[in-house]
Amino acid sequence: MGSTGSGRFTDYTGSQPTSKEKSSSGGGGGSGGVDRCEQAFSCMLEEVSLCDYLVNQGNPPAIKTALTIILNGRLFAVAPNGEQVGALPTRFNYLAACLEEGYRYVGVVTASSTTPMPNVSADFTVQ
């Protein structure tokens, strides 16, 4: 299963968002001037079945499990025990620059299932 992105070079690790991309939320309708680093977001994590958490624990994390985001070649959601739970979709790669600027993100698992395949959804906010 592949990733989806925004179609911008910032979908790839190492690319820095332009000032226009950084200040735009990506949506229309008067959303300019918003710092995306400051915005909360929700997403379904990718590659859950390949990550340490599922491999070591046998199941994805339970709902309400705390998460943080790290950059380890790619952006990953990490459980309190330090195991990677899943990768963030590439449309969130702008967060790599935010992390480098000192932003930290915390989240919580909002949905977790093993069928039809392991999946985890989470909400994140700036700490």
C-alpha atoms as a PDB file:
ATOM      1  CA  MET A   1       0.000   0.000   0.000  1.00  0.00           C
ATOM      2  CA  GLY A   2       1.516   3.303  -1.023  1.00  0.00           C
ATOM      3  CA  SER A   3       1.625   6.696   0.595  1.00  0.00           C
ATOM      4  CA  THR A   4      -0.206   9.747  -0.533  1.00  0.00           C
ATOM      5  CA  GLY A   5       1.243  13.207  -0.578  1.00  0.00           C
ATOM      6  CA  SER A   6       0.455  16.759  -1.505  1.00  0.00           C
ATOM      7  CA  GLY A   7       2.407  16.700  -4.760  1.00  0.00           C
ATOM      8  CA  ARG A   8       5.028  19.085  -3.358  1.00  0.00           C
ATOM      9  CA  PHE A   9       8.734  18.470  -2.947  1.00  0.00           C
ATOM     10  CA  THR A  10       8.245  18.943   0.789  1.00  0.00           C
ATOM     11  CA  ASP A  11       6.591  15.503   0.814  1.00  0.00           C
ATOM     12  CA  TYR A  12      10.131  14.122   0.819  1.00  0.00           C
ATOM     13  CA  THR A  13      12.460  14.080   3.796  1.00  0.00           C
ATOM     14  CA  GLY A  14      15.061  16.821   3.728  1.00  0.00           C
ATOM     15  CA  SER A  15      12.994  19.271   1.720  1.00  0.00           C
ATOM     16  CA  GLN A  16      12.195  22.520   3.461  1.00  0.00           C
ATOM     17  CA  PRO A  17       8.778  24.108   2.990  1.00  0.00           C
ATOM     18  CA  THR A  18       8.684  27.440   1.259  1.00  0.00           C
ATOM     19  CA  SER A  19       7.455  30.363   3.341  1.00  0.00           C
ATOM     20  CA  LYS A  20       4.173  30.184   1.436  1.00  0.00           C
ATOM     21  CA  GLU A  21       3.760  26.460   2.181  1.00  0.00           C
ATOM     22  CA  LYS A  22       4.741  26.913   5.824  1.00  0.00           C
ATOM     23  CA  SER A  23       2.265  29.720   6.365  1.00  0.00           C
ATOM     24  CA  SER A  24      -0.580  28.017   4.527  1.00  0.00           C
ATOM     25  CA  SER A  25      -2.704  25.287   6.023  1.00  0.00           C
ATOM     26  CA  GLY A  26      -3.043  23.661   2.610  1.00  0.00           C
ATOM     27  CA  GLY A  27      -6.757  24.433   2.495  1.00  0.00           C
ATOM     28  CA  GLY A  28      -8.602  27.186   0.758  1.00  0.00           C
ATOM     29  CA  GLY A  29     -11.055  29.755   1.929  1.00  0.00           C
ATOM     30  CA  GLY A  30      -8.996  32.342   3.749  1.00  0.00           C
ATOM     31  CA  SER A  31      -6.649  30.007   5.590  1.00  0.00           C
ATOM     32  CA  GLY A  32      -3.489  31.974   4.700  1.00  0.00           C
ATOM     33  CA  GLY A  33      -1.205  33.245   7.424  1.00  0.00           C
ATOM     34  CA  VAL A  34      -1.614  30.164   9.629  1.00  0.00           C
ATOM     35  CA  ASP A  35       1.612  28.525  10.841  1.00  0.00           C
ATOM     36  CA  ARG A  36       1.165  24.831  10.078  1.00  0.00           C
ATOM     37  CA  CYS A  37       3.686  23.960  12.825  1.00  0.00           C
ATOM     38  CA  GLU A  38       1.147  25.252  15.361  1.00  0.00           C
ATOM     39  CA  GLN A  39      -1.820  23.266  14.054  1.00  0.00           C
ATOM     40  CA  ALA A  40      -3.291  20.117  15.584  1.00  0.00           C
ATOM     41  CA  PHE A  41      -4.010  17.290  13.148  1.00  0.00           C
ATOM     42  CA  SER A  42      -5.405  13.777  12.843  1.00  0.00           C
ATOM     43  CA  CYS A  43      -4.191  10.966  10.649  1.00  0.00           C
ATOM     44  CA  MET A  44      -4.197   7.255  10.009  1.00  0.00           C
ATOM     45  CA  LEU A  45      -0.671   5.926  10.482  1.00  0.00           C
ATOM     46  CA  GLU A  46       1.038   3.951   7.736  1.00  0.00           C
ATOM     47  CA  GLU A  47       3.188   0.809   7.858  1.00  0.00           C
ATOM     48  CA  VAL A  48       1.745  -0.208  11.241  1.00  0.00           C
ATOM     49  CA  SER A  49       2.324  -3.906  10.540  1.00  0.00           C
ATOM     50  CA  LEU A  50       6.040  -3.292   9.879  1.00  0.00           C
ATOM     51  CA  CYS A  51       6.753  -1.205  12.980  1.00  0.00           C
ATOM     52  CA  ASP A  52       8.332  -2.309  16.266  1.00  0.00           C
ATOM     53  CA  TYR A  53       5.215  -1.910  18.366  1.00  0.00           C
ATOM     54  CA  LEU A  54       3.091  -4.441  16.486  1.00  0.00           C
ATOM     55  CA  VAL A  55       6.013  -6.825  15.921  1.00  0.00           C
ATOM     56  CA  ASN A  56       6.969  -6.840  19.625  1.00  0.00           C
ATOM     57  CA  GLN A  57       3.542  -6.508  21.265  1.00  0.00           C
ATOM     58  CA  GLY A  58       1.454  -8.591  18.858  1.00  0.00           C
ATOM     59  CA  ASN A  59      -1.287  -5.949  18.626  1.00  0.00           C
ATOM     60  CA  PRO A  60      -1.485  -2.255  17.805  1.00  0.00           C
ATOM     61  CA  PRO A  61      -1.669   0.090  20.810  1.00  0.00           C
ATOM     62  CA  ALA A  62      -4.980   0.530  22.602  1.00  0.00           C
ATOM     63  CA  ILE A  63      -7.185   3.588  22.210  1.00  0.00           C
ATOM     64  CA  LYS A  64      -5.993   6.458  24.455  1.00  0.00           C
ATOM     65  CA  THR A  65      -2.338   5.322  24.275  1.00  0.00           C
ATOM     66  CA  ALA A  66      -0.077   8.387  24.334  1.00  0.00           C
ATOM     67  CA  LEU A  67       2.144   9.040  21.301  1.00  0.00           C
ATOM     68  CA  THR A  68       4.924  11.398  20.305  1.00  0.00           C
ATOM     69  CA  ILE A  69       6.415  12.135  16.884  1.00  0.00           C
ATOM     70  CA  ILE A  70      10.053  11.557  15.978  1.00  0.00           C
ATOM     71  CA  LEU A  71      12.090  11.932  12.815  1.00  0.00           C
ATOM     72  CA  ASN A  72      13.980   8.731  12.079  1.00  0.00           C
ATOM     73  CA  GLY A  73      14.556   9.002   8.329  1.00  0.00           C
ATOM     74  CA  ARG A  74      10.786   9.408   8.164  1.00  0.00           C
ATOM     75  CA  LEU A  75       8.257  10.776  10.639  1.00  0.00           C
ATOM     76  CA  PHE A  76       7.022   8.125  13.063  1.00  0.00           C
ATOM     77  CA  ALA A  77       4.523   8.032  15.908  1.00  0.00           C
ATOM     78  CA  VAL A  78       6.163   6.482  18.961  1.00  0.00           C
ATOM     79  CA  ALA A  79       4.581   4.880  22.041  1.00  0.00           C
ATOM     80  CA  PRO A  80       5.746   5.712  25.594  1.00  0.00           C
ATOM     81  CA  ASN A  81       7.911   2.549  25.597  1.00  0.00           C
ATOM     82  CA  GLY A  82       9.916   3.994  22.669  1.00  0.00           C
ATOM     83  CA  GLU A  83       8.590   1.612  20.024  1.00  0.00           C
ATOM     84  CA  GLN A  84       7.520   2.999  16.659  1.00  0.00           C
ATOM     85  CA  VAL A  85       3.786   2.530  16.107  1.00  0.00           C
ATOM     86  CA  GLY A  86       3.489   3.757  12.513  1.00  0.00           C
ATOM     87  CA  ALA A  87       4.711   6.280   9.970  1.00  0.00           C
ATOM     88  CA  LEU A  88       2.935   9.554   9.345  1.00  0.00           C
ATOM     89  CA  PRO A  89       1.614  10.028   5.797  1.00  0.00           C
ATOM     90  CA  THR A  90       3.986  12.016   3.599  1.00  0.00           C
ATOM     91  CA  ARG A  91       1.580  14.969   3.506  1.00  0.00           C
ATOM     92  CA  PHE A  92       2.874  15.694   7.034  1.00  0.00           C
ATOM     93  CA  ASN A  93       6.554  15.802   6.057  1.00  0.00           C
ATOM     94  CA  TYR A  94       6.571  19.561   6.656  1.00  0.00           C
ATOM     95  CA  LEU A  95       6.630  18.569  10.353  1.00  0.00           C
ATOM     96  CA  ALA A  96      10.287  17.530   9.962  1.00  0.00           C
ATOM     97  CA  ALA A  97      11.227  21.206   9.639  1.00  0.00           C
ATOM     98  CA  CYS A  98       8.956  22.037  12.573  1.00  0.00           C
ATOM     99  CA  LEU A  99      10.696  19.420  14.736  1.00  0.00           C
ATOM    100  CA  GLU A 100      14.073  20.858  13.755  1.00  0.00           C
ATOM    101  CA  GLU A 101      12.824  24.294  14.862  1.00  0.00           C
ATOM    102  CA  GLY A 102      12.037  22.865  18.303  1.00  0.00           C
ATOM    103  CA  TYR A 103       8.362  22.044  18.034  1.00  0.00           C
ATOM    104  CA  ARG A 104       7.255  18.861  19.817  1.00  0.00           C
ATOM    105  CA  TYR A 105       4.059  16.955  19.142  1.00  0.00           C
ATOM    106  CA  VAL A 106       2.047  14.746  21.464  1.00  0.00           C
ATOM    107  CA  GLY A 107      -0.910  12.646  20.546  1.00  0.00           C
ATOM    108  CA  VAL A 108      -3.297   9.926  21.469  1.00  0.00           C
ATOM    109  CA  VAL A 109      -4.541   6.821  19.665  1.00  0.00           C
ATOM    110  CA  THR A 110      -8.157   7.398  18.614  1.00  0.00           C
ATOM    111  CA  ALA A 111      -8.752   4.124  16.729  1.00  0.00           C
ATOM    112  CA  SER A 112      -6.919   0.827  16.675  1.00  0.00           C
ATOM    113  CA  SER A 113      -7.712  -2.444  14.939  1.00  0.00           C
ATOM    114  CA  THR A 114      -6.132  -5.628  13.643  1.00  0.00           C
ATOM    115  CA  THR A 115      -8.733  -6.262  10.937  1.00  0.00           C
ATOM    116  CA  PRO A 116      -8.850  -6.247   8.014  1.00  0.00           C
ATOM    117  CA  MET A 117      -5.211  -5.277   8.564  1.00  0.00           C
ATOM    118  CA  PRO A 118      -3.462  -3.577  11.498  1.00  0.00           C
ATOM    119  CA  ASN A 119      -4.294   0.119  11.571  1.00  0.00           C
ATOM    120  CA  VAL A 120      -3.989   3.015  14.003  1.00  0.00           C
ATOM    121  CA  SER A 121      -5.478   6.507  13.860  1.00  0.00           C
ATOM    122  CA  ALA A 122      -4.329   9.312  16.123  1.00  0.00           C
ATOM    123  CA  ASP A 123      -4.842  12.955  17.008  1.00  0.00           C
ATOM    124  CA  PHE A 124      -1.772  15.160  17.559  1.00  0.00           C
ATOM    125  CA  THR A 125      -1.180  18.631  18.928  1.00  0.00           C
ATOM    126  CA  VAL A 126       1.780  20.891  19.635  1.00  0.00           C
ATOM    127  CA  GLN A 127       3.198  20.453  23.106  1.00  0.00           C
END
